[in-house]
């Protein structure tokens, strides 16, 4: 799966969704994707505005854990699941993790963006050695 990861430099981030967002959700999404782009750039990846210009496409989802029967998580818990696909649609990298904390959602999302970019960079560096 990581064989073509070494060829990745330009990344397009999918920010589309098939549902209507509340104003708070729009603000959270804007903050998260801004942070994710900043972190990817900090690790040396170039984020691009068009899929056609990208070596790979980063897409995924994030959300809050919801407890249907019983008390809510304390502190709140969040899930992140992202993956890279190459231009022909093959998955070349993925990450899934949970974060939990008493910080603001924005701070948690910033840490998650850092974790995504950091893991991608580490896996990218490993793929260069192969």
Protein backbone atom coordinates (compact mmCIF):
# COMPACT_ATOMS: atom_id res chain seq x y z
CA UNK A 1 0.00 0.00 0.00
CA UNK A 2 2.86 2.42 0.75
CA UNK A 3 4.84 1.70 -2.43
CA UNK A 4 3.65 4.86 -4.20
CA UNK A 5 3.65 7.01 -1.06
CA UNK A 6 7.23 8.05 -1.84
CA UNK A 7 5.96 9.79 -4.99
CA UNK A 8 3.61 12.12 -3.11
CA UNK A 9 4.28 15.82 -2.74
CA UNK A 10 1.18 17.69 -3.92
CA UNK A 11 -2.00 16.89 -1.97
CA UNK A 12 -5.57 17.94 -2.67
CA UNK A 13 -7.82 17.87 0.42
CA UNK A 14 -11.46 16.96 -0.17
CA UNK A 15 -13.66 19.28 1.88
CA UNK A 16 -16.99 18.30 0.35
CA UNK A 17 -19.91 16.68 2.08
CA UNK A 18 -23.37 15.53 1.15
CA UNK A 19 -25.20 17.08 4.08
CA UNK A 20 -26.11 20.51 5.36
CA UNK A 21 -23.88 21.98 8.06
CA UNK A 22 -24.85 24.25 10.93
CA UNK A 23 -22.93 27.52 11.32
CA UNK A 24 -20.93 25.99 14.21
CA UNK A 25 -20.08 22.94 12.08
CA UNK A 26 -18.98 25.17 9.19
CA UNK A 27 -16.69 27.10 11.56
CA UNK A 28 -15.25 23.85 12.95
CA UNK A 29 -14.69 22.43 9.47
CA UNK A 30 -13.02 25.62 8.24
CA UNK A 31 -10.70 25.65 11.27
CA UNK A 32 -9.86 21.96 10.95
CA UNK A 33 -9.02 22.05 7.25
CA UNK A 34 -7.03 25.27 7.65
CA UNK A 35 -5.03 23.60 10.42
CA UNK A 36 -4.59 20.42 8.37
CA UNK A 37 -3.25 22.38 5.38
CA UNK A 38 -0.87 24.31 7.64
CA UNK A 39 0.44 21.09 9.21
CA UNK A 40 0.90 19.34 5.86
CA UNK A 41 2.79 22.38 4.53
CA UNK A 42 4.93 22.45 7.69
CA UNK A 43 6.00 18.87 6.96
CA UNK A 44 6.96 19.76 3.41
CA UNK A 45 3.86 18.67 1.51
CA UNK A 46 2.25 21.09 -0.90
CA UNK A 47 -1.52 21.46 -0.70
CA UNK A 48 -3.18 22.30 -4.02
CA UNK A 49 -6.61 23.68 -4.87
CA UNK A 50 -7.45 21.32 -7.75
CA UNK A 51 -7.46 17.54 -7.95
CA UNK A 52 -5.86 17.72 -11.38
CA UNK A 53 -2.72 19.28 -9.88
CA UNK A 54 -2.37 16.70 -7.09
CA UNK A 55 -0.21 13.60 -6.71
CA UNK A 56 -2.78 12.29 -4.22
CA UNK A 57 -6.14 13.15 -2.71
CA UNK A 58 -6.67 13.25 1.06
CA UNK A 59 -10.22 12.49 2.07
CA UNK A 60 -11.98 11.32 5.16
CA UNK A 61 -14.15 12.31 8.04
CA UNK A 62 -14.10 13.32 11.65
CA UNK A 63 -16.76 13.49 14.30
CA UNK A 64 -17.81 13.36 17.90
CA UNK A 65 -18.48 10.11 19.69
CA UNK A 66 -22.17 9.96 20.64
CA UNK A 67 -23.44 7.74 23.42
CA UNK A 68 -27.01 6.60 22.77
CA UNK A 69 -27.62 4.82 26.04
CA UNK A 70 -25.86 6.13 29.11
CA UNK A 71 -23.77 9.12 30.09
CA UNK A 72 -21.70 10.97 27.51
CA UNK A 73 -17.93 10.57 27.46
CA UNK A 74 -16.23 12.79 29.98
CA UNK A 75 -14.00 14.24 28.64
CA UNK A 76 -15.53 14.31 25.14
CA UNK A 77 -14.18 11.87 22.56
CA UNK A 78 -13.59 12.48 18.84
CA UNK A 79 -12.82 10.16 15.91
CA UNK A 80 -10.72 10.91 12.82
CA UNK A 81 -10.45 8.68 9.76
CA UNK A 82 -8.49 9.82 6.70
CA UNK A 83 -6.81 8.27 3.71
CA UNK A 84 -4.80 9.16 0.62
CA UNK A 85 -5.79 7.91 -2.79
CA UNK A 86 -3.75 8.26 -5.95
CA UNK A 87 -5.22 9.80 -9.13
CA UNK A 88 -6.47 6.39 -10.34
CA UNK A 89 -8.39 5.82 -7.11
CA UNK A 90 -6.13 3.35 -5.29
CA UNK A 91 -5.73 3.85 -1.55
CA UNK A 92 -2.08 4.38 -0.72
CA UNK A 93 -2.27 5.43 2.93
CA UNK A 94 -4.74 5.60 5.80
CA UNK A 95 -5.04 6.61 9.43
CA UNK A 96 -7.79 6.25 12.01
CA UNK A 97 -7.62 7.33 15.63
CA UNK A 98 -9.60 8.75 18.54
CA UNK A 99 -8.75 11.79 20.63
CA UNK A 100 -10.15 12.71 23.98
CA UNK A 101 -9.62 15.78 26.11
CA UNK A 102 -11.03 18.71 27.99
CA UNK A 103 -9.56 21.28 25.60
CA UNK A 104 -11.78 23.13 23.15
CA UNK A 105 -12.86 21.28 20.02
CA UNK A 106 -10.63 23.63 18.03
CA UNK A 107 -7.58 22.64 20.09
CA UNK A 108 -8.41 18.94 19.75
CA UNK A 109 -8.86 19.36 15.97
CA UNK A 110 -5.51 21.18 15.74
CA UNK A 111 -3.81 18.28 17.54
CA UNK A 112 -5.57 15.82 15.23
CA UNK A 113 -4.41 17.75 12.14
CA UNK A 114 -0.86 17.62 13.50
CA UNK A 115 -1.17 13.88 14.16
CA UNK A 116 -2.41 13.21 10.61
CA UNK A 117 0.39 15.24 9.01
CA UNK A 118 3.03 13.77 11.33
CA UNK A 119 2.00 10.17 10.62
CA UNK A 120 1.84 10.83 6.88
CA UNK A 121 5.32 12.36 6.96
CA UNK A 122 6.78 9.46 8.98
CA UNK A 123 5.22 6.90 6.63
CA UNK A 124 6.42 8.93 3.63
CA UNK A 125 10.00 8.90 5.02
CA UNK A 126 9.79 5.11 5.57
CA UNK A 127 8.63 4.63 1.98
CA UNK A 128 11.71 6.50 0.70
CA UNK A 129 13.97 3.90 2.33
CA UNK A 130 12.38 1.00 0.46
